[in-house]
Amino acid sequence: MGSTSDKISGKANELTGQARQAVGDATDNRSMQAKGAAQEAKGDAQQAKGEAKDAVKSVVDKY
């Protein structure tokens, strides 16, 4: 997966996770809150992976 795909997928997971957490908060559903937090963390990691790929590519492109 390319860096842009990682960042897009990451943002989608982050937003979905936040929404799940909000629903979990509203319904006092601890399981949904936890699943939302996990999905948000996954999205953050995917975005970081995309940023890292961009950083490596920019260093490689310099040489």
N, C-alpha and C. Protein backbone atom coordinates (compact mmCIF):
# COMPACT_ATOMS: atom_id res chain seq x y z
N MET A 1 0.84 -1.16 0.00
CA MET A 1 0.00 0.00 0.00
C MET A 1 0.89 1.23 0.00
N GLY A 2 0.53 2.24 -0.77
CA GLY A 2 1.30 3.46 -0.83
C GLY A 2 1.05 4.35 0.37
N SER A 3 1.84 5.38 0.49
CA SER A 3 1.72 6.27 1.64
C SER A 3 0.37 6.98 1.67
N THR A 4 -0.11 7.38 0.49
CA THR A 4 -1.40 8.07 0.44
C THR A 4 -2.52 7.12 0.86
N SER A 5 -2.48 5.89 0.40
CA SER A 5 -3.49 4.90 0.78
C SER A 5 -3.47 4.64 2.27
N ASP A 6 -2.27 4.55 2.84
CA ASP A 6 -2.15 4.35 4.28
C ASP A 6 -2.78 5.51 5.04
N LYS A 7 -2.50 6.72 4.59
CA LYS A 7 -3.03 7.90 5.28
C LYS A 7 -4.55 7.98 5.16
N ILE A 8 -5.09 7.66 3.98
CA ILE A 8 -6.54 7.70 3.79
C ILE A 8 -7.22 6.63 4.63
N SER A 9 -6.70 5.41 4.58
CA SER A 9 -7.27 4.33 5.38
C SER A 9 -7.17 4.64 6.87
N GLY A 10 -6.05 5.21 7.25
CA GLY A 10 -5.85 5.58 8.64
C GLY A 10 -6.84 6.62 9.12
N LYS A 11 -7.07 7.62 8.29
CA LYS A 11 -8.03 8.68 8.66
C LYS A 11 -9.44 8.10 8.76
N ALA A 12 -9.79 7.21 7.82
CA ALA A 12 -11.11 6.58 7.86
C ALA A 12 -11.28 5.76 9.13
N ASN A 13 -10.27 4.99 9.49
CA ASN A 13 -10.34 4.20 10.73
C ASN A 13 -10.41 5.10 11.96
N GLU A 14 -9.66 6.17 11.94
CA GLU A 14 -9.66 7.09 13.07
C GLU A 14 -11.06 7.69 13.26
N LEU A 15 -11.66 8.18 12.17
CA LEU A 15 -12.98 8.79 12.27
C LEU A 15 -14.05 7.78 12.66
N THR A 16 -13.98 6.58 12.10
CA THR A 16 -14.93 5.53 12.45
C THR A 16 -14.79 5.16 13.92
N GLY A 17 -13.57 5.07 14.39
CA GLY A 17 -13.32 4.77 15.79
C GLY A 17 -13.88 5.83 16.72
N GLN A 18 -13.72 7.08 16.33
CA GLN A 18 -14.26 8.17 17.14
C GLN A 18 -15.78 8.11 17.19
N ALA A 19 -16.39 7.79 16.05
CA ALA A 19 -17.85 7.68 16.00
C ALA A 19 -18.33 6.52 16.88
N ARG A 20 -17.64 5.39 16.81
CA ARG A 20 -18.02 4.24 17.64
C ARG A 20 -17.90 4.59 19.12
N GLN A 21 -16.86 5.31 19.47
CA GLN A 21 -16.70 5.72 20.86
C GLN A 21 -17.84 6.63 21.30
N ALA A 22 -18.23 7.55 20.43
CA ALA A 22 -19.32 8.47 20.75
C ALA A 22 -20.63 7.72 20.96
N VAL A 23 -20.91 6.75 20.10
CA VAL A 23 -22.11 5.93 20.26
C VAL A 23 -22.02 5.13 21.56
N GLY A 24 -20.85 4.59 21.82
CA GLY A 24 -20.64 3.85 23.06
C GLY A 24 -20.84 4.72 24.29
N ASP A 25 -20.37 5.96 24.22
CA ASP A 25 -20.58 6.90 25.32
C ASP A 25 -22.06 7.20 25.51
N ALA A 26 -22.75 7.45 24.39
CA ALA A 26 -24.16 7.82 24.44
C ALA A 26 -25.04 6.69 24.96
N THR A 27 -24.65 5.46 24.66
CA THR A 27 -25.46 4.31 25.06
C THR A 27 -24.88 3.60 26.28
N ASP A 28 -23.81 4.14 26.84
CA ASP A 28 -23.11 3.54 27.97
C ASP A 28 -22.71 2.10 27.67
N ASN A 29 -22.21 1.90 26.44
CA ASN A 29 -21.80 0.57 25.99
C ASN A 29 -20.27 0.53 26.02
N ARG A 30 -19.72 -0.06 27.07
CA ARG A 30 -18.27 -0.10 27.27
C ARG A 30 -17.56 -0.88 26.16
N SER A 31 -18.18 -1.92 25.66
CA SER A 31 -17.58 -2.72 24.59
C SER A 31 -17.39 -1.88 23.33
N MET A 32 -18.42 -1.12 22.98
CA MET A 32 -18.32 -0.28 21.78
C MET A 32 -17.30 0.82 21.98
N GLN A 33 -17.23 1.35 23.18
CA GLN A 33 -16.22 2.38 23.48
C GLN A 33 -14.82 1.82 23.27
N ALA A 34 -14.59 0.62 23.78
CA ALA A 34 -13.26 0.00 23.66
C ALA A 34 -12.93 -0.32 22.21
N LYS A 35 -13.91 -0.85 21.48
CA LYS A 35 -13.67 -1.16 20.06
C LYS A 35 -13.39 0.12 19.27
N GLY A 36 -14.09 1.19 19.60
CA GLY A 36 -13.85 2.47 18.94
C GLY A 36 -12.46 3.00 19.23
N ALA A 37 -12.03 2.88 20.48
CA ALA A 37 -10.70 3.35 20.85
C ALA A 37 -9.63 2.54 20.12
N ALA A 38 -9.85 1.23 20.01
CA ALA A 38 -8.89 0.38 19.31
C ALA A 38 -8.83 0.74 17.83
N GLN A 39 -9.99 1.00 17.24
CA GLN A 39 -10.01 1.34 15.82
C GLN A 39 -9.36 2.70 15.59
N GLU A 40 -9.59 3.63 16.50
CA GLU A 40 -8.95 4.94 16.37
C GLU A 40 -7.43 4.81 16.47
N ALA A 41 -6.96 3.97 17.38
CA ALA A 41 -5.51 3.75 17.52
C ALA A 41 -4.94 3.12 16.25
N LYS A 42 -5.69 2.18 15.67
CA LYS A 42 -5.26 1.56 14.42
C LYS A 42 -5.13 2.63 13.33
N GLY A 43 -6.10 3.52 13.26
CA GLY A 43 -6.05 4.59 12.27
C GLY A 43 -4.86 5.51 12.48
N ASP A 44 -4.58 5.83 13.73
CA ASP A 44 -3.41 6.67 14.03
C ASP A 44 -2.12 5.98 13.56
N ALA A 45 -2.04 4.68 13.80
CA ALA A 45 -0.85 3.93 13.38
C ALA A 45 -0.73 3.89 11.86
N GLN A 46 -1.85 3.71 11.16
CA GLN A 46 -1.80 3.69 9.70
C GLN A 46 -1.34 5.03 9.16
N GLN A 47 -1.83 6.10 9.75
CA GLN A 47 -1.41 7.43 9.29
C GLN A 47 0.08 7.65 9.55
N ALA A 48 0.56 7.21 10.68
CA ALA A 48 1.98 7.34 10.99
C ALA A 48 2.81 6.53 10.00
N LYS A 49 2.32 5.37 9.63
CA LYS A 49 3.02 4.54 8.65
C LYS A 49 3.12 5.28 7.31
N GLY A 50 2.03 5.92 6.90
CA GLY A 50 2.05 6.69 5.66
C GLY A 50 3.02 7.85 5.72
N GLU A 51 3.07 8.54 6.87
CA GLU A 51 4.01 9.65 7.05
C GLU A 51 5.45 9.14 7.00
N ALA A 52 5.69 8.00 7.60
CA ALA A 52 7.04 7.42 7.60
C ALA A 52 7.47 7.07 6.18
N LYS A 53 6.55 6.50 5.41
CA LYS A 53 6.86 6.17 4.01
C LYS A 53 7.22 7.44 3.24
N ASP A 54 6.47 8.52 3.48
CA ASP A 54 6.77 9.78 2.81
C ASP A 54 8.16 10.29 3.20
N ALA A 55 8.48 10.18 4.47
CA ALA A 55 9.79 10.65 4.94
C ALA A 55 10.92 9.86 4.31
N VAL A 56 10.77 8.55 4.26
CA VAL A 56 11.80 7.70 3.64
C VAL A 56 11.93 8.04 2.16
N LYS A 57 10.80 8.21 1.50
CA LYS A 57 10.83 8.52 0.07
C LYS A 57 11.53 9.85 -0.19
N SER A 58 11.28 10.84 0.65
CA SER A 58 11.92 12.14 0.43
C SER A 58 13.43 12.05 0.64
N VAL A 59 13.87 11.23 1.58
CA VAL A 59 15.32 11.05 1.79
C VAL A 59 15.93 10.31 0.60
N VAL A 60 15.27 9.27 0.14
CA VAL A 60 15.77 8.49 -0.99
C VAL A 60 15.81 9.36 -2.24
N ASP A 61 14.79 10.19 -2.44
CA ASP A 61 14.74 11.05 -3.62
C ASP A 61 15.86 12.09 -3.65
N LYS A 62 16.39 12.46 -2.48
CA LYS A 62 17.48 13.42 -2.43
C LYS A 62 18.78 12.84 -2.97
N TYR A 63 18.89 11.52 -2.91
CA TYR A 63 20.14 10.89 -3.32
C TYR A 63 19.88 10.14 -4.56
